């Protein structure tokens, strides 16, 4: 497969390594300063594009993908406000976009099982929940997209009976229908997410910690392999089962 990269920071470079190891070819890199004519040429040469750039660039990158009819995988976070409008554009143009706040396959499994467990236990008397995430000092958004996804899924699983709160109130205690989302920024931490459950007789802590960026890159490459030949506006959660049940040669 011929892949065009949007952004060439540490994640873009990790995607390049993983893609090449899986036998794919990188046809070009679109950077912030790349002229539009060159962007268009790279997109037209590529079978798909993978975007790990900036949140404010996502609308333009989607427009490029739709103009050139190139499937697009988005790993950039922080563009949630644009999502409804971009989804309408993609569906109207019969485009092909797949996005996720975190492309780690293990994180997707973590989200699914953590939410299911929490939703069961929080139906019982005396149970409480919180979320904590830790990332490197250079991360631009807080809480992380993964922590937001975990909080949103948990809120939905509980029929909106509990609401995530970030930042925590400075001058009052949490309401009974609220749960805390904690954020730490330190050093070069790749990403740690914890779901904490406190009950009358038990404490449960479920943790996912990334060992490197290559896990995110691997998931993004697997996602783009899945996306080829499909149209729609997909989340990584929707394709997880296909990836987990597909045996690699």
Protein backbone atom coordinates (compact mmCIF):
# COMPACT_ATOMS: atom_id res chain seq x y z
CA UNK A 1 0.00 0.00 0.00
CA UNK A 2 1.14 3.55 -0.71
CA UNK A 3 0.67 5.79 2.34
CA UNK A 4 0.95 9.56 2.63
CA UNK A 5 1.81 10.94 6.07
CA UNK A 6 0.33 14.19 7.42
CA UNK A 7 2.70 15.40 10.11
CA UNK A 8 6.17 14.07 10.75
CA UNK A 9 6.71 14.44 14.47
CA UNK A 10 7.47 11.51 16.75
CA UNK A 11 4.16 9.81 15.93
CA UNK A 12 4.54 10.33 12.19
CA UNK A 13 8.00 8.79 12.32
CA UNK A 14 6.68 5.84 14.33
CA UNK A 15 3.95 5.29 11.72
CA UNK A 16 6.59 5.32 9.00
CA UNK A 17 8.64 2.64 10.79
CA UNK A 18 5.66 0.37 11.40
CA UNK A 19 4.19 0.85 7.92
CA UNK A 20 7.47 0.00 6.22
CA UNK A 21 7.94 -3.04 8.47
CA UNK A 22 4.52 -4.26 7.27
CA UNK A 23 5.58 -3.88 3.64
CA UNK A 24 3.96 -0.53 2.84
CA UNK A 25 5.55 2.40 1.01
CA UNK A 26 5.56 6.03 2.17
CA UNK A 27 4.94 8.21 -0.89
CA UNK A 28 5.38 11.57 0.83
CA UNK A 29 5.06 13.67 3.96
CA UNK A 30 2.74 16.66 4.29
CA UNK A 31 4.11 19.22 6.74
CA UNK A 32 2.74 22.54 7.95
CA UNK A 33 4.70 24.45 5.30
CA UNK A 34 3.91 22.10 2.40
CA UNK A 35 2.19 24.02 -0.46
CA UNK A 36 -1.31 22.91 -1.41
CA UNK A 37 -0.29 21.72 -4.88
CA UNK A 38 2.29 19.39 -3.30
CA UNK A 39 -0.24 18.21 -0.69
CA UNK A 40 -2.66 17.37 -3.46
CA UNK A 41 0.02 15.52 -5.43
CA UNK A 42 0.96 13.38 -2.41
CA UNK A 43 -2.70 12.59 -1.68
CA UNK A 44 -3.31 11.59 -5.30
CA UNK A 45 -0.31 9.26 -5.29
CA UNK A 46 -1.35 7.62 -2.01
CA UNK A 47 -3.81 4.79 -1.44
CA UNK A 48 -4.49 6.36 1.97
CA UNK A 49 -3.40 9.17 4.28
CA UNK A 50 -2.57 8.98 8.00
CA UNK A 51 -2.85 12.22 9.98
CA UNK A 52 -0.92 12.80 13.21
CA UNK A 53 -0.55 16.56 12.85
CA UNK A 54 -2.49 19.30 14.69
CA UNK A 55 -6.10 19.66 15.75
CA UNK A 56 -6.58 22.93 13.86
CA UNK A 57 -5.38 21.27 10.63
CA UNK A 58 -7.92 18.43 10.68
CA UNK A 59 -10.71 20.26 8.75
CA UNK A 60 -8.29 21.11 5.93
CA UNK A 61 -6.90 17.56 5.91
CA UNK A 62 -10.41 16.11 5.64
CA UNK A 63 -11.16 18.53 2.79
CA UNK A 64 -7.97 17.37 1.01
CA UNK A 65 -8.95 13.72 1.43
CA UNK A 66 -12.43 14.35 0.07
CA UNK A 67 -11.15 16.40 -2.88
CA UNK A 68 -8.67 13.69 -3.91
CA UNK A 69 -10.97 10.80 -2.84
CA UNK A 70 -8.23 9.40 -0.60
CA UNK A 71 -9.10 7.38 2.53
CA UNK A 72 -7.94 9.15 5.69
CA UNK A 73 -7.05 7.87 9.17
CA UNK A 74 -6.96 10.60 11.86
CA UNK A 75 -4.95 10.07 15.04
CA UNK A 76 -4.82 13.75 15.97
CA UNK A 77 -6.85 14.75 19.05
CA UNK A 78 -8.51 17.96 20.21
CA UNK A 79 -10.85 18.53 17.21
CA UNK A 80 -14.08 17.25 18.79
CA UNK A 81 -15.92 20.53 18.18
CA UNK A 82 -15.52 20.01 14.42
CA UNK A 83 -16.59 16.37 14.42
CA UNK A 84 -20.34 16.71 13.65
CA UNK A 85 -19.74 19.02 10.70
CA UNK A 86 -16.87 16.93 9.33
CA UNK A 87 -18.91 13.75 9.65
CA UNK A 88 -21.69 15.35 7.59
CA UNK A 89 -19.18 16.41 4.94
CA UNK A 90 -17.63 12.94 4.73
CA UNK A 91 -20.96 11.14 4.47
CA UNK A 92 -22.32 13.64 1.91
CA UNK A 93 -19.23 13.17 -0.28
CA UNK A 94 -19.22 9.37 0.17
CA UNK A 95 -15.77 9.75 1.65
CA UNK A 96 -13.67 7.40 3.76
CA UNK A 97 -12.45 8.53 7.21
CA UNK A 98 -11.55 6.59 10.36
CA UNK A 99 -10.58 8.35 13.58
CA UNK A 100 -9.65 7.58 17.18
CA UNK A 101 -8.21 9.46 20.16
CA UNK A 102 -5.93 6.46 20.70
CA UNK A 103 -4.96 3.82 18.13
CA UNK A 104 -3.53 1.33 20.61
CA UNK A 105 -5.42 -1.92 20.11
CA UNK A 106 -4.82 -2.76 23.77
CA UNK A 107 -6.30 0.60 24.83
CA UNK A 108 -9.47 -0.12 22.88
CA UNK A 109 -9.83 -3.45 24.67
CA UNK A 110 -9.06 -1.68 27.98
CA UNK A 111 -11.80 0.90 27.34
CA UNK A 112 -14.37 -1.74 26.50
CA UNK A 113 -13.75 -3.99 29.50
CA UNK A 114 -13.12 -1.18 32.01
CA UNK A 115 -16.44 0.48 31.19
CA UNK A 116 -18.34 -2.80 31.34
CA UNK A 117 -16.91 -3.63 34.79
CA UNK A 118 -17.48 -0.12 36.14
CA UNK A 119 -21.05 -0.03 34.87
CA UNK A 120 -21.81 -3.29 36.69
CA UNK A 121 -20.27 -2.33 40.03
CA UNK A 122 -21.64 1.21 40.10
CA UNK A 123 -25.14 -0.21 40.19
CA UNK A 124 -24.32 -1.47 43.68
CA UNK A 125 -24.53 0.60 46.83
CA UNK A 126 -21.42 2.42 47.99
CA UNK A 127 -19.27 2.24 44.86
CA UNK A 128 -17.41 5.25 43.45
CA UNK A 129 -15.26 5.81 40.36
CA UNK A 130 -12.52 8.11 39.09
CA UNK A 131 -10.24 8.33 36.06
CA UNK A 132 -6.58 9.36 36.00
CA UNK A 133 -4.32 9.97 33.00
CA UNK A 134 -0.59 10.76 32.83
CA UNK A 135 1.28 12.06 29.77
CA UNK A 136 4.49 13.85 28.83
CA UNK A 137 4.84 17.58 29.46
CA UNK A 138 4.51 18.42 25.77
CA UNK A 139 0.99 17.06 25.31
CA UNK A 140 -1.27 19.86 24.11
CA UNK A 141 -4.72 18.72 25.26
CA UNK A 142 -6.00 17.82 28.72
CA UNK A 143 -7.62 15.55 29.61
CA UNK A 144 -6.31 13.26 26.90
CA UNK A 145 -8.64 12.09 24.16
CA UNK A 146 -8.49 8.60 25.62
CA UNK A 147 -9.51 9.81 29.08
CA UNK A 148 -12.37 11.77 27.53
CA UNK A 149 -13.46 8.69 25.59
CA UNK A 150 -13.37 6.57 28.75
CA UNK A 151 -15.37 9.18 30.67
CA UNK A 152 -17.94 9.57 27.87
CA UNK A 153 -18.43 5.83 27.46
CA UNK A 154 -18.84 5.42 31.21
CA UNK A 155 -21.34 8.28 31.35
CA UNK A 156 -23.38 6.65 28.57
CA UNK A 157 -23.19 3.23 30.20
CA UNK A 158 -24.61 4.77 33.38
CA UNK A 159 -27.42 6.53 31.47
CA UNK A 160 -25.89 9.92 32.32
CA UNK A 161 -26.48 9.38 36.04
CA UNK A 162 -22.89 10.44 36.71
CA UNK A 163 -21.00 13.27 35.05
CA UNK A 164 -17.21 13.56 34.58
CA UNK A 165 -15.59 16.68 36.04
CA UNK A 166 -12.32 18.31 34.96
CA UNK A 167 -10.80 20.37 36.41
CA UNK A 168 -11.94 19.57 39.93
CA UNK A 169 -13.89 22.24 41.84
CA UNK A 170 -11.54 24.48 43.80
CA UNK A 171 -13.94 25.58 46.52
CA UNK A 172 -16.49 22.81 46.97
CA UNK A 173 -16.71 19.03 47.11
CA UNK A 174 -17.79 16.83 44.21
CA UNK A 175 -21.52 16.35 43.84
CA UNK A 176 -22.86 12.83 44.30
CA UNK A 177 -23.57 12.53 40.57
CA UNK A 178 -20.03 13.58 39.54
CA UNK A 179 -16.76 11.68 39.14
CA UNK A 180 -13.26 13.09 38.89
CA UNK A 181 -10.96 12.98 35.87
CA UNK A 182 -7.40 13.60 37.06
CA UNK A 183 -4.56 14.83 34.83
CA UNK A 184 -0.79 14.71 35.35
CA UNK A 185 1.91 16.00 33.00
CA UNK A 186 5.46 14.84 33.64
CA UNK A 187 8.65 14.12 31.74
CA UNK A 188 8.39 11.95 28.65
CA UNK A 189 5.58 9.59 29.73
CA UNK A 190 4.02 7.97 26.64
CA UNK A 191 0.60 7.58 28.24
CA UNK A 192 -0.96 5.94 31.29
CA UNK A 193 -4.70 5.64 31.91
CA UNK A 194 -6.33 4.31 35.06
CA UNK A 195 -9.90 3.52 36.00
CA UNK A 196 -10.27 3.51 39.79
CA UNK A 197 -13.21 1.83 41.52
CA UNK A 198 -13.76 2.14 45.27
CA UNK A 199 -16.35 -0.02 47.01
CA UNK A 200 -17.37 -0.74 50.61
CA UNK A 201 -15.15 -3.84 50.77
CA UNK A 202 -12.94 -3.71 47.67
CA UNK A 203 -10.67 -1.47 45.61
CA UNK A 204 -10.17 -2.16 41.91
CA UNK A 205 -7.64 -0.41 39.69
CA UNK A 206 -7.42 -1.10 35.94
CA UNK A 207 -4.38 0.42 34.26
CA UNK A 208 -3.09 0.67 30.70
CA UNK A 209 0.42 2.02 30.20
CA UNK A 210 1.99 2.50 26.79
CA UNK A 211 5.58 1.23 26.49
CA UNK A 212 6.30 3.26 23.34
CA UNK A 213 4.58 5.14 20.52
CA UNK A 214 4.89 2.14 18.23
CA UNK A 215 1.71 0.59 19.65
CA UNK A 216 -0.28 3.64 18.53
CA UNK A 217 1.44 3.56 15.14
CA UNK A 218 0.71 -0.16 14.71
CA UNK A 219 -2.99 0.39 15.38
CA UNK A 220 -3.13 3.29 12.92
CA UNK A 221 -1.53 1.17 10.19
CA UNK A 222 -3.90 -1.72 10.89
CA UNK A 223 -6.78 0.79 10.73
CA UNK A 224 -5.72 2.11 7.33
CA UNK A 225 -5.39 -1.45 6.02
CA UNK A 226 -9.00 -2.05 7.14
CA UNK A 227 -10.28 1.24 5.67
CA UNK A 228 -9.22 0.61 2.07
CA UNK A 229 -12.27 -0.17 -0.06
CA UNK A 230 -14.78 1.14 2.49
CA UNK A 231 -16.70 4.42 2.67
CA UNK A 232 -18.10 6.11 5.76
CA UNK A 233 -17.06 7.92 8.93
CA UNK A 234 -15.72 5.27 11.31
CA UNK A 235 -14.30 5.04 14.81
CA UNK A 236 -11.53 2.61 15.69
CA UNK A 237 -13.89 0.98 18.17
CA UNK A 238 -16.06 -0.15 15.24
CA UNK A 239 -13.23 -2.06 13.56
CA UNK A 240 -11.59 -3.49 16.69
CA UNK A 241 -13.38 -6.83 16.51
CA UNK A 242 -12.34 -7.32 12.87
CA UNK A 243 -8.71 -6.67 13.78
CA UNK A 244 -8.73 -8.90 16.86
CA UNK A 245 -10.34 -11.82 15.02
CA UNK A 246 -8.13 -11.55 11.92
CA UNK A 247 -5.19 -13.92 12.18
CA UNK A 248 -1.96 -12.47 10.79
CA UNK A 249 -0.03 -14.64 8.34
